[in-house]
PDB file of all heavy atoms in Angstrom:
ATOM      1  N   GLN A   1       0.800  -1.224   0.000  1.00  0.00           N
ATOM      2  CA  GLN A   1       0.000   0.000   0.000  1.00  0.00           C
ATOM      3  C   GLN A   1       0.836   1.279   0.000  1.00  0.00           C
ATOM      4  O   GLN A   1       0.545   2.211  -0.762  1.00  0.00           O
ATOM      5  CB  GLN A   1      -0.937  -0.037   1.222  1.00  0.00           C
ATOM      6  CG  GLN A   1      -1.928   1.100   1.293  1.00  0.00           C
ATOM      7  CD  GLN A   1      -2.901   0.870   2.440  1.00  0.00           C
ATOM      8  OE1 GLN A   1      -3.738  -0.010   2.378  1.00  0.00           O
ATOM      9  NE2 GLN A   1      -2.758   1.660   3.498  1.00  0.00           N
ATOM     10  N   PRO A   2       1.905   1.365   0.784  1.00  0.00           N
ATOM     11  CA  PRO A   2       2.688   2.609   0.770  1.00  0.00           C
ATOM     12  C   PRO A   2       3.375   2.895  -0.560  1.00  0.00           C
ATOM     13  O   PRO A   2       3.795   4.023  -0.811  1.00  0.00           O
ATOM     14  CB  PRO A   2       3.734   2.372   1.869  1.00  0.00           C
ATOM     15  CG  PRO A   2       3.166   1.307   2.737  1.00  0.00           C
ATOM     16  CD  PRO A   2       2.393   0.427   1.802  1.00  0.00           C
ATOM     17  N   TYR A   3       3.471   1.872  -1.425  1.00  0.00           N
ATOM     18  CA  TYR A   3       4.178   2.030  -2.700  1.00  0.00           C
ATOM     19  C   TYR A   3       3.229   2.178  -3.889  1.00  0.00           C
ATOM     20  O   TYR A   3       3.651   2.126  -5.039  1.00  0.00           O
ATOM     21  CB  TYR A   3       5.123   0.846  -2.909  1.00  0.00           C
ATOM     22  CG  TYR A   3       6.110   0.720  -1.773  1.00  0.00           C
ATOM     23  CD1 TYR A   3       5.893  -0.190  -0.741  1.00  0.00           C
ATOM     24  CD2 TYR A   3       7.226   1.547  -1.702  1.00  0.00           C
ATOM     25  CE1 TYR A   3       6.777  -0.288   0.315  1.00  0.00           C
ATOM     26  CE2 TYR A   3       8.114   1.458  -0.639  1.00  0.00           C
ATOM     27  CZ  TYR A   3       7.883   0.538   0.363  1.00  0.00           C
ATOM     28  OH  TYR A   3       8.755   0.456   1.419  1.00  0.00           O
ATOM     29  N   GLY A   4       1.945   2.350  -3.580  1.00  0.00           N
ATOM     30  CA  GLY A   4       0.986   2.634  -4.633  1.00  0.00           C
ATOM     31  C   GLY A   4       0.562   1.436  -5.454  1.00  0.00           C
ATOM     32  O   GLY A   4      -0.017   1.597  -6.530  1.00  0.00           O
ATOM     33  N   ILE A   5       0.838   0.223  -4.979  1.00  0.00           N
ATOM     34  CA  ILE A   5       0.404  -0.989  -5.669  1.00  0.00           C
ATOM     35  C   ILE A   5      -0.813  -1.548  -4.946  1.00  0.00           C
ATOM     36  O   ILE A   5      -0.752  -1.859  -3.752  1.00  0.00           O
ATOM     37  CB  ILE A   5       1.525  -2.049  -5.715  1.00  0.00           C
ATOM     38  CG1 ILE A   5       2.735  -1.496  -6.467  1.00  0.00           C
ATOM     39  CG2 ILE A   5       1.025  -3.336  -6.373  1.00  0.00           C
ATOM     40  CD1 ILE A   5       3.950  -2.419  -6.424  1.00  0.00           C
ATOM     41  N   ARG A   6      -1.908  -1.638  -5.669  1.00  0.00           N
ATOM     42  CA  ARG A   6      -3.145  -2.120  -5.076  1.00  0.00           C
ATOM     43  C   ARG A   6      -3.194  -3.655  -5.105  1.00  0.00           C
ATOM     44  O   ARG A   6      -2.592  -4.280  -5.969  1.00  0.00           O
ATOM     45  CB  ARG A   6      -4.352  -1.559  -5.838  1.00  0.00           C
ATOM     46  CG  ARG A   6      -4.409  -0.031  -5.848  1.00  0.00           C
ATOM     47  CD  ARG A   6      -5.523   0.463  -6.750  1.00  0.00           C
ATOM     48  NE  ARG A   6      -5.251   0.140  -8.154  1.00  0.00           N
ATOM     49  CZ  ARG A   6      -6.195  -0.048  -9.083  1.00  0.00           C
ATOM     50  NH1 ARG A   6      -7.474   0.009  -8.750  1.00  0.00           N
ATOM     51  NH2 ARG A   6      -5.857  -0.319 -10.329  1.00  0.00           N
ATOM     52  N   VAL A   7      -3.945  -4.235  -4.168  1.00  0.00           N
ATOM     53  CA  VAL A   7      -4.164  -5.679  -4.132  1.00  0.00           C
ATOM     54  C   VAL A   7      -5.646  -5.918  -3.883  1.00  0.00           C
ATOM     55  O   VAL A   7      -6.235  -5.331  -2.972  1.00  0.00           O
ATOM     56  CB  VAL A   7      -3.327  -6.365  -3.029  1.00  0.00           C
ATOM     57  CG1 VAL A   7      -3.652  -7.865  -2.963  1.00  0.00           C
ATOM     58  CG2 VAL A   7      -1.833  -6.160  -3.282  1.00  0.00           C
ATOM     59  N   ALA A   8      -6.256  -6.770  -4.713  1.00  0.00           N
ATOM     60  CA  ALA A   8      -7.667  -7.111  -4.551  1.00  0.00           C
ATOM     61  C   ALA A   8      -7.830  -8.626  -4.576  1.00  0.00           C
ATOM     62  O   ALA A   8      -7.030  -9.349  -5.169  1.00  0.00           O
ATOM     63  CB  ALA A   8      -8.509  -6.469  -5.653  1.00  0.00           C
ATOM     64  N   ILE A   9      -8.890  -9.089  -3.920  1.00  0.00           N
ATOM     65  CA  ILE A   9      -9.214 -10.514  -3.858  1.00  0.00           C
ATOM     66  C   ILE A   9     -10.559 -10.721  -4.542  1.00  0.00           C
ATOM     67  O   ILE A   9     -11.540 -10.044  -4.222  1.00  0.00           O
ATOM     68  CB  ILE A   9      -9.309 -11.003  -2.401  1.00  0.00           C
ATOM     69  CG1 ILE A   9      -8.018 -10.701  -1.640  1.00  0.00           C
ATOM     70  CG2 ILE A   9      -9.633 -12.499  -2.351  1.00  0.00           C
ATOM     71  CD1 ILE A   9      -8.152 -10.860  -0.133  1.00  0.00           C
ATOM     72  N   VAL A  10     -10.614 -11.677  -5.472  1.00  0.00           N
ATOM     73  CA  VAL A  10     -11.870 -12.054  -6.112  1.00  0.00           C
ATOM     74  C   VAL A  10     -12.264 -13.428  -5.586  1.00  0.00           C
ATOM     75  O   VAL A  10     -11.501 -14.391  -5.693  1.00  0.00           O
ATOM     76  CB  VAL A  10     -11.738 -12.081  -7.646  1.00  0.00           C
ATOM     77  CG1 VAL A  10     -13.039 -12.565  -8.279  1.00  0.00           C
ATOM     78  CG2 VAL A  10     -11.385 -10.695  -8.171  1.00  0.00           C
ATOM     79  N   GLN A  11     -13.460 -13.519  -5.018  1.00  0.00           N
ATOM     80  CA  GLN A  11     -13.976 -14.771  -4.469  1.00  0.00           C
ATOM     81  C   GLN A  11     -15.182 -15.221  -5.287  1.00  0.00           C
ATOM     82  O   GLN A  11     -16.326 -14.944  -4.933  1.00  0.00           O
ATOM     83  CB  GLN A  11     -14.414 -14.602  -3.015  1.00  0.00           C
ATOM     84  CG  GLN A  11     -13.316 -14.476  -2.000  1.00  0.00           C
ATOM     85  CD  GLN A  11     -13.888 -14.491  -0.585  1.00  0.00           C
ATOM     86  OE1 GLN A  11     -15.037 -14.121  -0.335  1.00  0.00           O
ATOM     87  NE2 GLN A  11     -13.099 -14.936   0.367  1.00  0.00           N
ATOM     88  N   PRO A  12     -14.965 -15.943  -6.379  1.00  0.00           N
ATOM     89  CA  PRO A  12     -16.121 -16.380  -7.172  1.00  0.00           C
ATOM     90  C   PRO A  12     -17.013 -17.345  -6.394  1.00  0.00           C
ATOM     91  O   PRO A  12     -16.539 -18.140  -5.577  1.00  0.00           O
ATOM     92  CB  PRO A  12     -15.477 -17.094  -8.371  1.00  0.00           C
ATOM     93  CG  PRO A  12     -14.083 -16.576  -8.428  1.00  0.00           C
ATOM     94  CD  PRO A  12     -13.696 -16.330  -7.003  1.00  0.00           C
ATOM     95  N   GLY A  13     -18.304 -17.260  -6.680  1.00  0.00           N
ATOM     96  CA  GLY A  13     -19.245 -18.246  -6.160  1.00  0.00           C
ATOM     97  C   GLY A  13     -19.384 -19.373  -7.161  1.00  0.00           C
ATOM     98  O   GLY A  13     -18.394 -19.898  -7.666  1.00  0.00           O
ATOM     99  N   ALA A  14     -20.620 -19.772  -7.455  1.00  0.00           N
ATOM    100  CA  ALA A  14     -20.862 -20.856  -8.415  1.00  0.00           C
ATOM    101  C   ALA A  14     -20.710 -20.300  -9.825  1.00  0.00           C
ATOM    102  O   ALA A  14     -21.613 -19.686 -10.376  1.00  0.00           O
ATOM    103  CB  ALA A  14     -22.248 -21.450  -8.211  1.00  0.00           C
ATOM    104  N   ILE A  15     -19.539 -20.508 -10.398  1.00  0.00           N
ATOM    105  CA  ILE A  15     -19.210 -20.015 -11.732  1.00  0.00           C
ATOM    106  C   ILE A  15     -18.893 -21.218 -12.623  1.00  0.00           C
ATOM    107  O   ILE A  15     -18.203 -22.151 -12.205  1.00  0.00           O
ATOM    108  CB  ILE A  15     -17.990 -19.068 -11.694  1.00  0.00           C
ATOM    109  CG1 ILE A  15     -18.297 -17.826 -10.836  1.00  0.00           C
ATOM    110  CG2 ILE A  15     -17.567 -18.664 -13.096  1.00  0.00           C
ATOM    111  CD1 ILE A  15     -19.281 -16.869 -11.433  1.00  0.00           C
ATOM    112  N   GLN A  16     -19.390 -21.210 -13.839  1.00  0.00           N
ATOM    113  CA  GLN A  16     -19.122 -22.303 -14.765  1.00  0.00           C
ATOM    114  C   GLN A  16     -17.622 -22.469 -14.986  1.00  0.00           C
ATOM    115  O   GLN A  16     -16.920 -21.506 -15.264  1.00  0.00           O
ATOM    116  CB  GLN A  16     -19.807 -22.023 -16.106  1.00  0.00           C
ATOM    117  CG  GLN A  16     -21.324 -21.964 -16.021  1.00  0.00           C
ATOM    118  CD  GLN A  16     -21.957 -21.412 -17.267  1.00  0.00           C
ATOM    119  OE1 GLN A  16     -21.297 -21.237 -18.276  1.00  0.00           O
ATOM    120  NE2 GLN A  16     -23.245 -21.143 -17.215  1.00  0.00           N
ATOM    121  N   SER A  17     -17.144 -23.712 -14.846  1.00  0.00           N
ATOM    122  CA  SER A  17     -15.721 -23.978 -15.035  1.00  0.00           C
ATOM    123  C   SER A  17     -15.523 -25.443 -15.404  1.00  0.00           C
ATOM    124  O   SER A  17     -16.449 -26.246 -15.352  1.00  0.00           O
ATOM    125  CB  SER A  17     -14.918 -23.640 -13.775  1.00  0.00           C
ATOM    126  OG  SER A  17     -15.052 -24.661 -12.818  1.00  0.00           O
ATOM    127  N   GLN A  18     -14.282 -25.775 -15.754  1.00  0.00           N
ATOM    128  CA  GLN A  18     -13.919 -27.140 -16.108  1.00  0.00           C
ATOM    129  C   GLN A  18     -13.286 -27.892 -14.927  1.00  0.00           C
ATOM    130  O   GLN A  18     -12.843 -29.028 -15.092  1.00  0.00           O
ATOM    131  CB  GLN A  18     -12.898 -27.106 -17.263  1.00  0.00           C
ATOM    132  CG  GLN A  18     -13.409 -26.431 -18.518  1.00  0.00           C
ATOM    133  CD  GLN A  18     -14.490 -27.246 -19.198  1.00  0.00           C
ATOM    134  OE1 GLN A  18     -14.358 -28.428 -19.395  1.00  0.00           O
ATOM    135  NE2 GLN A  18     -15.578 -26.584 -19.547  1.00  0.00           N
ATOM    136  N   ALA A  19     -13.263 -27.289 -13.751  1.00  0.00           N
ATOM    137  CA  ALA A  19     -12.490 -27.846 -12.646  1.00  0.00           C
ATOM    138  C   ALA A  19     -12.921 -29.265 -12.288  1.00  0.00           C
ATOM    139  O   ALA A  19     -12.092 -30.169 -12.155  1.00  0.00           O
ATOM    140  CB  ALA A  19     -12.617 -26.943 -11.423  1.00  0.00           C
ATOM    141  N   PHE A  20     -14.242 -29.483 -12.130  1.00  0.00           N
ATOM    142  CA  PHE A  20     -14.696 -30.794 -11.709  1.00  0.00           C
ATOM    143  C   PHE A  20     -14.614 -31.812 -12.846  1.00  0.00           C
ATOM    144  O   PHE A  20     -14.390 -32.993 -12.611  1.00  0.00           O
ATOM    145  CB  PHE A  20     -16.121 -30.702 -11.163  1.00  0.00           C
ATOM    146  CG  PHE A  20     -16.216 -29.883  -9.906  1.00  0.00           C
ATOM    147  CD1 PHE A  20     -16.934 -28.705  -9.883  1.00  0.00           C
ATOM    148  CD2 PHE A  20     -15.569 -30.292  -8.752  1.00  0.00           C
ATOM    149  CE1 PHE A  20     -17.012 -27.944  -8.729  1.00  0.00           C
ATOM    150  CE2 PHE A  20     -15.640 -29.538  -7.588  1.00  0.00           C
ATOM    151  CZ  PHE A  20     -16.363 -28.367  -7.578  1.00  0.00           C
ATOM    152  N   ILE A  21     -14.800 -31.344 -14.067  1.00  0.00           N
ATOM    153  CA  ILE A  21     -14.678 -32.248 -15.215  1.00  0.00           C
ATOM    154  C   ILE A  21     -13.270 -32.831 -15.280  1.00  0.00           C
ATOM    155  O   ILE A  21     -13.083 -34.019 -15.546  1.00  0.00           O
ATOM    156  CB  ILE A  21     -15.026 -31.497 -16.514  1.00  0.00           C
ATOM    157  CG1 ILE A  21     -16.505 -31.079 -16.489  1.00  0.00           C
ATOM    158  CG2 ILE A  21     -14.723 -32.345 -17.739  1.00  0.00           C
ATOM    159  CD1 ILE A  21     -16.915 -30.189 -17.638  1.00  0.00           C
ATOM    160  N   LYS A  22     -12.273 -32.013 -15.022  1.00  0.00           N
ATOM    161  CA  LYS A  22     -10.888 -32.473 -15.063  1.00  0.00           C
ATOM    162  C   LYS A  22     -10.602 -33.530 -14.006  1.00  0.00           C
ATOM    163  O   LYS A  22      -9.709 -34.365 -14.172  1.00  0.00           O
ATOM    164  CB  LYS A  22      -9.938 -31.279 -14.873  1.00  0.00           C
ATOM    165  CG  LYS A  22      -9.961 -30.275 -16.020  1.00  0.00           C
ATOM    166  CD  LYS A  22      -9.059 -29.094 -15.711  1.00  0.00           C
ATOM    167  CE  LYS A  22      -9.090 -28.064 -16.837  1.00  0.00           C
ATOM    168  NZ  LYS A  22      -8.258 -26.872 -16.525  1.00  0.00           N
ATOM    169  N   ASP A  23     -11.355 -33.524 -12.894  1.00  0.00           N
ATOM    170  CA  ASP A  23     -11.084 -34.429 -11.776  1.00  0.00           C
ATOM    171  C   ASP A  23     -11.987 -35.652 -11.738  1.00  0.00           C
ATOM    172  O   ASP A  23     -11.882 -36.468 -10.832  1.00  0.00           O
ATOM    173  CB  ASP A  23     -11.250 -33.667 -10.457  1.00  0.00           C
ATOM    174  CG  ASP A  23      -9.989 -32.935 -10.051  1.00  0.00           C
ATOM    175  OD1 ASP A  23      -9.061 -32.880 -10.860  1.00  0.00           O
ATOM    176  OD2 ASP A  23      -9.941 -32.415  -8.927  1.00  0.00           O
ATOM    177  N   ILE A  24     -12.890 -35.785 -12.700  1.00  0.00           N
ATOM    178  CA  ILE A  24     -13.911 -36.826 -12.601  1.00  0.00           C
ATOM    179  C   ILE A  24     -13.299 -38.227 -12.580  1.00  0.00           C
ATOM    180  O   ILE A  24     -13.765 -39.113 -11.864  1.00  0.00           O
ATOM    181  CB  ILE A  24     -14.951 -36.682 -13.733  1.00  0.00           C
ATOM    182  CG1 ILE A  24     -16.179 -37.555 -13.447  1.00  0.00           C
ATOM    183  CG2 ILE A  24     -14.347 -37.000 -15.086  1.00  0.00           C
ATOM    184  CD1 ILE A  24     -16.986 -37.097 -12.267  1.00  0.00           C
ATOM    185  N   GLY A  25     -12.228 -38.453 -13.368  1.00  0.00           N
ATOM    186  CA  GLY A  25     -11.583 -39.766 -13.367  1.00  0.00           C
ATOM    187  C   GLY A  25     -11.000 -40.102 -12.008  1.00  0.00           C
ATOM    188  O   GLY A  25     -11.138 -41.234 -11.506  1.00  0.00           O
ATOM    189  N   ASP A  26     -10.338 -39.134 -11.393  1.00  0.00           N
ATOM    190  CA  ASP A  26      -9.755 -39.322 -10.071  1.00  0.00           C
ATOM    191  C   ASP A  26     -10.847 -39.614  -9.051  1.00  0.00           C
ATOM    192  O   ASP A  26     -10.685 -40.453  -8.152  1.00  0.00           O
ATOM    193  CB  ASP A  26      -8.955 -38.076  -9.669  1.00  0.00           C
ATOM    194  CG  ASP A  26      -8.109 -38.296  -8.419  1.00  0.00           C
ATOM    195  OD1 ASP A  26      -7.871 -39.465  -8.061  1.00  0.00           O
ATOM    196  OD2 ASP A  26      -7.681 -37.301  -7.812  1.00  0.00           O
ATOM    197  N   PHE A  27     -11.976 -38.934  -9.178  1.00  0.00           N
ATOM    198  CA  PHE A  27     -13.083 -39.151  -8.252  1.00  0.00           C
ATOM    199  C   PHE A  27     -13.641 -40.563  -8.384  1.00  0.00           C
ATOM    200  O   PHE A  27     -13.938 -41.226  -7.376  1.00  0.00           O
ATOM    201  CB  PHE A  27     -14.185 -38.124  -8.492  1.00  0.00           C
ATOM    202  CG  PHE A  27     -15.382 -38.305  -7.601  1.00  0.00           C
ATOM    203  CD1 PHE A  27     -15.258 -38.224  -6.224  1.00  0.00           C
ATOM    204  CD2 PHE A  27     -16.640 -38.549  -8.142  1.00  0.00           C
ATOM    205  CE1 PHE A  27     -16.353 -38.398  -5.391  1.00  0.00           C
ATOM    206  CE2 PHE A  27     -17.735 -38.718  -7.320  1.00  0.00           C
ATOM    207  CZ  PHE A  27     -17.607 -38.642  -5.952  1.00  0.00           C
ATOM    208  N   GLU A  28     -13.784 -41.058  -9.604  1.00  0.00           N
ATOM    209  CA  GLU A  28     -14.301 -42.416  -9.794  1.00  0.00           C
ATOM    210  C   GLU A  28     -13.368 -43.444  -9.161  1.00  0.00           C
ATOM    211  O   GLU A  28     -13.818 -44.431  -8.582  1.00  0.00           O
ATOM    212  CB  GLU A  28     -14.477 -42.694 -11.292  1.00  0.00           C
ATOM    213  CG  GLU A  28     -15.587 -41.875 -11.948  1.00  0.00           C
ATOM    214  CD  GLU A  28     -16.946 -42.086 -11.307  1.00  0.00           C
ATOM    215  OE1 GLU A  28     -17.262 -43.244 -10.961  1.00  0.00           O
ATOM    216  OE2 GLU A  28     -17.684 -41.101 -11.130  1.00  0.00           O
ATOM    217  N   ARG A  29     -12.063 -43.202  -9.258  1.00  0.00           N
ATOM    218  CA  ARG A  29     -11.112 -44.116  -8.612  1.00  0.00           C
ATOM    219  C   ARG A  29     -11.187 -43.994  -7.091  1.00  0.00           C
ATOM    220  O   ARG A  29     -11.075 -44.992  -6.365  1.00  0.00           O
ATOM    221  CB  ARG A  29      -9.682 -43.811  -9.102  1.00  0.00           C
ATOM    222  CG  ARG A  29      -9.430 -44.222 -10.543  1.00  0.00           C
ATOM    223  CD  ARG A  29      -7.963 -44.058 -10.923  1.00  0.00           C
ATOM    224  NE  ARG A  29      -7.549 -42.662 -10.960  1.00  0.00           N
ATOM    225  CZ  ARG A  29      -7.681 -41.872 -12.020  1.00  0.00           C
ATOM    226  NH1 ARG A  29      -8.207 -42.344 -13.147  1.00  0.00           N
ATOM    227  NH2 ARG A  29      -7.274 -40.609 -11.973  1.00  0.00           N
ATOM    228  N   TYR A  30     -11.384 -42.779  -6.610  1.00  0.00           N
ATOM    229  CA  TYR A  30     -11.469 -42.571  -5.158  1.00  0.00           C
ATOM    230  C   TYR A  30     -12.653 -43.336  -4.568  1.00  0.00           C
ATOM    231  O   TYR A  30     -12.567 -43.867  -3.450  1.00  0.00           O
ATOM    232  CB  TYR A  30     -11.608 -41.075  -4.865  1.00  0.00           C
ATOM    233  CG  TYR A  30     -11.719 -40.746  -3.392  1.00  0.00           C
ATOM    234  CD1 TYR A  30     -10.609 -40.812  -2.562  1.00  0.00           C
ATOM    235  CD2 TYR A  30     -12.938 -40.375  -2.836  1.00  0.00           C
ATOM    236  CE1 TYR A  30     -10.711 -40.511  -1.204  1.00  0.00           C
ATOM    237  CE2 TYR A  30     -13.051 -40.073  -1.490  1.00  0.00           C
ATOM    238  CZ  TYR A  30     -11.939 -40.141  -0.678  1.00  0.00           C
ATOM    239  OH  TYR A  30     -12.044 -39.860   0.663  1.00  0.00           O
ATOM    240  N   LYS A  31     -13.738 -43.429  -5.311  1.00  0.00           N
ATOM    241  CA  LYS A  31     -14.925 -44.133  -4.835  1.00  0.00           C
ATOM    242  C   LYS A  31     -14.640 -45.611  -4.560  1.00  0.00           C
ATOM    243  O   LYS A  31     -15.336 -46.245  -3.769  1.00  0.00           O
ATOM    244  CB  LYS A  31     -16.056 -43.991  -5.857  1.00  0.00           C
ATOM    245  CG  LYS A  31     -16.644 -42.597  -5.909  1.00  0.00           C
ATOM    246  CD  LYS A  31     -17.445 -42.360  -7.174  1.00  0.00           C
ATOM    247  CE  LYS A  31     -18.684 -43.206  -7.257  1.00  0.00           C
ATOM    248  NZ  LYS A  31     -19.518 -42.817  -8.428  1.00  0.00           N
ATOM    249  N   GLU A  32     -13.619 -46.140  -5.209  1.00  0.00           N
ATOM    250  CA  GLU A  32     -13.277 -47.555  -5.046  1.00  0.00           C
ATOM    251  C   GLU A  32     -12.192 -47.777  -3.986  1.00  0.00           C
ATOM    252  O   GLU A  32     -11.689 -48.898  -3.851  1.00  0.00           O
ATOM    253  CB  GLU A  32     -12.798 -48.117  -6.387  1.00  0.00           C
ATOM    254  CG  GLU A  32     -13.794 -47.950  -7.525  1.00  0.00           C
ATOM    255  CD  GLU A  32     -15.134 -48.598  -7.212  1.00  0.00           C
ATOM    256  OE1 GLU A  32     -15.131 -49.703  -6.627  1.00  0.00           O
ATOM    257  OE2 GLU A  32     -16.184 -47.999  -7.540  1.00  0.00           O
TER     258      GLU A  32
END
């Protein structure tokens, strides 16, 4: 802050993404 550089945090809620699709294979193995 003293150097004039701002910092912000973005906290998305339910936003469309590929995150769970990428992990689906791992999840199916975890179930076993």
